[in-house]
């Protein structure tokens, strides 16, 4: 897949799924992204991104066990597929190569 197939929000959702696996579901993903970014993240936006990522083959999901805390409802748990892992590695490599090309004194000017 080409890098352009993954939007910025999709990238951080995919990363959150990888970090939270095997307990990654929409509510905890949104909470994790809020904690990491300091921005409000709606579960609706996370749901939409999860659906897109699953359609692209970057994630798979299954229904977990019903829990009393959720009124007997089951959580949809997400995991990163091998393709999703390759895409994340590709994105990281591109970012690292670009960061490595920035001259250190340029970064100091931003401070």
N, C-alpha and C. Protein backbone atom coordinates (compact mmCIF):
# COMPACT_ATOMS: atom_id res chain seq x y z
N UNK A 1 0.83 -1.19 0.00
CA UNK A 1 0.00 0.00 0.00
C UNK A 1 0.87 1.25 0.00
N UNK A 2 0.36 2.27 -0.60
CA UNK A 2 1.06 3.54 -0.61
C UNK A 2 0.79 4.30 0.67
N UNK A 3 1.75 5.08 1.10
CA UNK A 3 1.64 5.87 2.32
C UNK A 3 0.42 6.78 2.29
N UNK A 4 0.03 7.26 1.11
CA UNK A 4 -1.09 8.19 1.01
C UNK A 4 -2.42 7.51 1.38
N UNK A 5 -2.41 6.20 1.53
CA UNK A 5 -3.63 5.49 1.93
C UNK A 5 -3.91 5.62 3.42
N UNK A 6 -3.03 6.25 4.16
CA UNK A 6 -3.18 6.35 5.61
C UNK A 6 -3.15 7.81 6.02
N UNK A 7 -4.29 8.30 6.53
CA UNK A 7 -4.36 9.68 7.00
C UNK A 7 -3.71 9.82 8.37
N UNK A 8 -3.46 11.05 8.78
CA UNK A 8 -2.79 11.30 10.06
C UNK A 8 -3.58 10.74 11.24
N UNK A 9 -4.89 10.99 11.28
CA UNK A 9 -5.68 10.47 12.39
C UNK A 9 -5.72 8.95 12.35
N UNK A 10 -5.85 8.38 11.15
CA UNK A 10 -5.83 6.93 11.02
C UNK A 10 -4.52 6.36 11.54
N UNK A 11 -3.43 7.06 11.26
CA UNK A 11 -2.12 6.60 11.72
C UNK A 11 -2.07 6.51 13.25
N UNK A 12 -2.52 7.56 13.93
CA UNK A 12 -2.45 7.53 15.40
C UNK A 12 -3.45 6.53 15.98
N UNK A 13 -4.58 6.32 15.32
CA UNK A 13 -5.52 5.29 15.78
C UNK A 13 -4.87 3.91 15.61
N UNK A 14 -4.24 3.67 14.49
CA UNK A 14 -3.56 2.40 14.24
C UNK A 14 -2.45 2.18 15.27
N UNK A 15 -1.69 3.22 15.57
CA UNK A 15 -0.65 3.13 16.59
C UNK A 15 -1.25 2.83 17.96
N UNK A 16 -2.36 3.47 18.28
CA UNK A 16 -3.01 3.22 19.57
C UNK A 16 -3.49 1.78 19.67
N UNK A 17 -4.04 1.25 18.59
CA UNK A 17 -4.47 -0.15 18.59
C UNK A 17 -3.27 -1.05 18.88
N UNK A 18 -2.16 -0.78 18.21
CA UNK A 18 -0.96 -1.59 18.43
C UNK A 18 -0.49 -1.49 19.88
N UNK A 19 -0.55 -0.30 20.45
CA UNK A 19 -0.10 -0.10 21.83
C UNK A 19 -1.04 -0.73 22.85
N UNK A 20 -2.32 -0.75 22.56
CA UNK A 20 -3.32 -1.23 23.52
C UNK A 20 -3.69 -2.70 23.34
N UNK A 21 -3.25 -3.30 22.27
CA UNK A 21 -3.61 -4.68 21.97
C UNK A 21 -3.17 -5.59 23.12
N UNK A 22 -3.97 -6.52 23.55
CA UNK A 22 -5.17 -7.07 22.92
C UNK A 22 -6.47 -6.46 23.44
N UNK A 23 -6.38 -5.35 24.14
CA UNK A 23 -7.58 -4.75 24.76
C UNK A 23 -8.02 -3.48 24.06
N UNK A 24 -7.75 -3.36 22.77
CA UNK A 24 -8.05 -2.13 22.04
C UNK A 24 -9.49 -2.11 21.56
N UNK A 25 -10.29 -1.22 22.13
CA UNK A 25 -11.64 -0.96 21.63
C UNK A 25 -11.86 0.54 21.65
N UNK A 26 -12.89 1.00 20.99
CA UNK A 26 -13.03 2.42 20.67
C UNK A 26 -12.91 3.36 21.86
N UNK A 27 -13.51 3.04 22.98
CA UNK A 27 -13.48 3.96 24.12
C UNK A 27 -12.07 4.12 24.66
N UNK A 28 -11.36 3.01 24.87
CA UNK A 28 -10.01 3.12 25.42
C UNK A 28 -9.04 3.72 24.40
N UNK A 29 -9.30 3.51 23.11
CA UNK A 29 -8.48 4.14 22.07
C UNK A 29 -8.65 5.66 22.13
N UNK A 30 -9.89 6.13 22.23
CA UNK A 30 -10.16 7.57 22.33
C UNK A 30 -9.50 8.14 23.59
N UNK A 31 -9.61 7.45 24.71
CA UNK A 31 -8.99 7.91 25.96
C UNK A 31 -7.47 7.98 25.82
N UNK A 32 -6.88 6.98 25.20
CA UNK A 32 -5.43 6.96 25.01
C UNK A 32 -4.98 8.12 24.12
N UNK A 33 -5.70 8.37 23.05
CA UNK A 33 -5.35 9.47 22.15
C UNK A 33 -5.50 10.82 22.84
N UNK A 34 -6.53 10.98 23.66
CA UNK A 34 -6.69 12.22 24.42
C UNK A 34 -5.53 12.41 25.39
N UNK A 35 -5.14 11.34 26.06
CA UNK A 35 -4.03 11.39 27.01
C UNK A 35 -2.72 11.77 26.28
N UNK A 36 -2.49 11.19 25.14
CA UNK A 36 -1.24 11.41 24.41
C UNK A 36 -1.19 12.76 23.68
N UNK A 37 -2.32 13.20 23.14
CA UNK A 37 -2.31 14.42 22.34
C UNK A 37 -2.74 15.66 23.12
N UNK A 38 -3.47 15.47 24.20
CA UNK A 38 -4.01 16.61 24.93
C UNK A 38 -5.22 17.22 24.26
N UNK A 39 -5.72 16.58 23.21
CA UNK A 39 -6.90 17.06 22.49
C UNK A 39 -8.09 16.16 22.76
N UNK A 40 -9.29 16.73 22.63
CA UNK A 40 -10.51 15.94 22.76
C UNK A 40 -10.65 15.05 21.53
N UNK A 41 -10.94 13.78 21.77
CA UNK A 41 -11.11 12.82 20.67
C UNK A 41 -12.46 12.14 20.87
N UNK A 42 -13.35 12.26 19.91
CA UNK A 42 -14.67 11.66 20.04
C UNK A 42 -14.61 10.18 19.68
N UNK A 43 -15.42 9.40 20.38
CA UNK A 43 -15.46 7.97 20.05
C UNK A 43 -16.04 7.76 18.65
N UNK A 44 -16.89 8.68 18.19
CA UNK A 44 -17.44 8.58 16.84
C UNK A 44 -16.34 8.68 15.79
N UNK A 45 -15.41 9.61 16.00
CA UNK A 45 -14.28 9.75 15.06
C UNK A 45 -13.41 8.50 15.09
N UNK A 46 -13.22 7.95 16.28
CA UNK A 46 -12.43 6.72 16.40
C UNK A 46 -13.14 5.57 15.70
N UNK A 47 -14.46 5.44 15.92
CA UNK A 47 -15.25 4.39 15.24
C UNK A 47 -15.08 4.47 13.73
N UNK A 48 -15.21 5.67 13.19
CA UNK A 48 -15.10 5.86 11.74
C UNK A 48 -13.71 5.46 11.24
N UNK A 49 -12.68 5.87 11.97
CA UNK A 49 -11.31 5.53 11.57
C UNK A 49 -11.09 4.02 11.67
N UNK A 50 -11.60 3.39 12.72
CA UNK A 50 -11.46 1.94 12.87
C UNK A 50 -12.11 1.20 11.70
N UNK A 51 -13.27 1.67 11.29
CA UNK A 51 -13.95 1.04 10.15
C UNK A 51 -13.14 1.18 8.87
N UNK A 52 -12.60 2.38 8.64
CA UNK A 52 -11.78 2.59 7.44
C UNK A 52 -10.53 1.72 7.47
N UNK A 53 -9.89 1.64 8.63
CA UNK A 53 -8.66 0.85 8.76
C UNK A 53 -8.95 -0.65 8.57
N UNK A 54 -10.10 -1.07 9.05
CA UNK A 54 -10.47 -2.48 8.86
C UNK A 54 -10.77 -2.75 7.38
N UNK A 55 -11.44 -1.83 6.72
CA UNK A 55 -11.73 -1.98 5.29
C UNK A 55 -10.45 -2.02 4.45
N UNK A 56 -9.43 -1.28 4.88
CA UNK A 56 -8.16 -1.26 4.16
C UNK A 56 -7.32 -2.50 4.45
N UNK A 57 -7.74 -3.30 5.43
CA UNK A 57 -7.01 -4.51 5.77
C UNK A 57 -5.91 -4.29 6.79
N UNK A 58 -5.88 -3.13 7.44
CA UNK A 58 -4.85 -2.82 8.43
C UNK A 58 -5.21 -3.33 9.82
N UNK A 59 -6.49 -3.59 10.05
CA UNK A 59 -6.98 -4.09 11.34
C UNK A 59 -7.93 -5.26 11.12
N UNK A 60 -8.05 -6.08 12.15
CA UNK A 60 -9.13 -7.06 12.23
C UNK A 60 -9.82 -6.83 13.56
N UNK A 61 -11.04 -7.32 13.67
CA UNK A 61 -11.76 -7.16 14.93
C UNK A 61 -12.53 -8.43 15.25
N UNK A 62 -12.83 -8.55 16.53
CA UNK A 62 -13.69 -9.63 16.99
C UNK A 62 -14.46 -9.13 18.20
N UNK A 63 -15.57 -9.77 18.48
CA UNK A 63 -16.36 -9.37 19.64
C UNK A 63 -15.84 -10.09 20.87
N UNK A 64 -15.57 -9.30 21.91
CA UNK A 64 -15.14 -9.86 23.18
C UNK A 64 -16.33 -10.38 23.98
N UNK A 65 -16.05 -10.81 25.19
CA UNK A 65 -17.11 -11.32 26.06
C UNK A 65 -18.00 -10.18 26.56
N UNK A 66 -19.25 -10.50 26.82
CA UNK A 66 -20.18 -9.54 27.41
C UNK A 66 -19.74 -9.26 28.85
N UNK A 67 -19.87 -8.00 29.25
CA UNK A 67 -19.48 -7.64 30.62
C UNK A 67 -20.62 -6.91 31.31
N UNK A 68 -20.69 -7.11 32.64
CA UNK A 68 -21.73 -6.45 33.44
C UNK A 68 -21.56 -4.93 33.38
N UNK A 69 -20.32 -4.45 33.38
CA UNK A 69 -20.06 -3.00 33.35
C UNK A 69 -20.60 -2.34 32.10
N UNK A 70 -20.79 -3.12 31.03
CA UNK A 70 -21.34 -2.59 29.78
C UNK A 70 -22.79 -3.03 29.59
N UNK A 71 -23.44 -3.42 30.66
CA UNK A 71 -24.85 -3.82 30.58
C UNK A 71 -25.05 -5.08 29.74
N UNK A 72 -24.07 -5.96 29.77
CA UNK A 72 -24.16 -7.20 29.02
C UNK A 72 -23.75 -7.10 27.57
N UNK A 73 -23.35 -5.90 27.15
CA UNK A 73 -22.92 -5.73 25.75
C UNK A 73 -21.47 -6.19 25.59
N UNK A 74 -21.13 -6.56 24.36
CA UNK A 74 -19.79 -7.02 24.06
C UNK A 74 -18.97 -5.90 23.42
N UNK A 75 -17.68 -5.89 23.71
CA UNK A 75 -16.76 -4.91 23.11
C UNK A 75 -16.24 -5.47 21.79
N UNK A 76 -16.08 -4.59 20.80
CA UNK A 76 -15.40 -4.98 19.56
C UNK A 76 -13.93 -4.66 19.76
N UNK A 77 -13.11 -5.71 19.80
CA UNK A 77 -11.68 -5.58 20.04
C UNK A 77 -10.92 -5.61 18.71
N UNK A 78 -9.95 -4.72 18.58
CA UNK A 78 -9.20 -4.58 17.34
C UNK A 78 -7.75 -5.00 17.52
N UNK A 79 -7.19 -5.59 16.46
CA UNK A 79 -5.77 -5.92 16.42
C UNK A 79 -5.21 -5.51 15.06
N UNK A 80 -3.94 -5.21 15.05
CA UNK A 80 -3.25 -4.80 13.82
C UNK A 80 -2.92 -6.05 13.01
N UNK A 81 -3.19 -6.01 11.73
CA UNK A 81 -2.85 -7.13 10.83
C UNK A 81 -1.38 -7.02 10.41
N UNK A 82 -0.84 -8.08 9.82
CA UNK A 82 0.53 -7.97 9.29
C UNK A 82 0.68 -6.80 8.30
N UNK A 83 -0.33 -6.59 7.45
CA UNK A 83 -0.29 -5.47 6.52
C UNK A 83 -0.27 -4.14 7.28
N UNK A 84 -1.10 -4.02 8.30
CA UNK A 84 -1.11 -2.81 9.12
C UNK A 84 0.23 -2.57 9.79
N UNK A 85 0.86 -3.63 10.26
CA UNK A 85 2.18 -3.51 10.87
C UNK A 85 3.23 -3.04 9.87
N UNK A 86 3.15 -3.57 8.65
CA UNK A 86 4.09 -3.13 7.61
C UNK A 86 3.89 -1.66 7.28
N UNK A 87 2.63 -1.24 7.20
CA UNK A 87 2.34 0.17 6.90
C UNK A 87 2.88 1.06 8.01
N UNK A 88 2.68 0.67 9.26
CA UNK A 88 3.21 1.47 10.37
C UNK A 88 4.74 1.55 10.30
N UNK A 89 5.39 0.46 9.99
CA UNK A 89 6.85 0.45 9.88
C UNK A 89 7.31 1.36 8.75
N UNK A 90 6.58 1.32 7.63
CA UNK A 90 6.89 2.17 6.49
C UNK A 90 6.77 3.65 6.85
N UNK A 91 5.68 3.99 7.52
CA UNK A 91 5.44 5.38 7.92
C UNK A 91 6.54 5.85 8.87
N UNK A 92 6.89 5.00 9.81
CA UNK A 92 7.95 5.35 10.77
C UNK A 92 9.28 5.57 10.05
N UNK A 93 9.60 4.71 9.10
CA UNK A 93 10.85 4.84 8.35
C UNK A 93 10.90 6.15 7.58
N UNK A 94 9.79 6.51 6.93
CA UNK A 94 9.74 7.77 6.18
C UNK A 94 9.95 8.94 7.13
N UNK A 95 9.24 8.94 8.23
CA UNK A 95 9.38 10.05 9.19
C UNK A 95 10.81 10.14 9.72
N UNK A 96 11.38 8.99 10.08
CA UNK A 96 12.75 8.99 10.61
C UNK A 96 13.75 9.51 9.59
N UNK A 97 13.61 9.10 8.33
CA UNK A 97 14.53 9.59 7.30
C UNK A 97 14.43 11.10 7.15
N UNK A 98 13.22 11.61 7.18
CA UNK A 98 13.04 13.06 7.07
C UNK A 98 13.61 13.79 8.29
N UNK A 99 13.32 13.29 9.49
CA UNK A 99 13.86 13.91 10.70
C UNK A 99 15.38 13.88 10.70
N UNK A 100 15.96 12.79 10.20
CA UNK A 100 17.42 12.67 10.16
C UNK A 100 18.06 13.68 9.22
N UNK A 101 17.31 14.19 8.27
CA UNK A 101 17.84 15.16 7.31
C UNK A 101 17.76 16.61 7.80
N UNK A 102 17.07 16.82 8.90
CA UNK A 102 16.98 18.18 9.43
C UNK A 102 18.27 18.49 10.18
N UNK A 103 18.89 19.58 9.82
CA UNK A 103 20.14 19.99 10.45
C UNK A 103 19.84 20.37 11.90
N UNK A 104 20.66 19.90 12.85
CA UNK A 104 20.39 20.19 14.28
C UNK A 104 20.17 21.66 14.61
N UNK A 105 20.91 22.58 14.00
CA UNK A 105 20.71 23.99 14.33
C UNK A 105 19.36 24.51 13.88
N UNK A 106 18.75 23.87 12.88
CA UNK A 106 17.41 24.26 12.45
C UNK A 106 16.41 23.97 13.55
N UNK A 107 16.53 22.80 14.18
CA UNK A 107 15.63 22.43 15.27
C UNK A 107 15.77 23.42 16.43
N UNK A 108 17.00 23.86 16.72
CA UNK A 108 17.22 24.81 17.80
C UNK A 108 16.52 26.14 17.52
N UNK A 109 16.43 26.54 16.26
CA UNK A 109 15.76 27.79 15.91
C UNK A 109 14.26 27.71 16.20
N UNK A 110 13.69 26.52 16.17
CA UNK A 110 12.26 26.36 16.43
C UNK A 110 11.92 26.54 17.90
N UNK A 111 12.89 26.32 18.75
CA UNK A 111 12.63 26.33 20.20
C UNK A 111 12.30 27.70 20.73
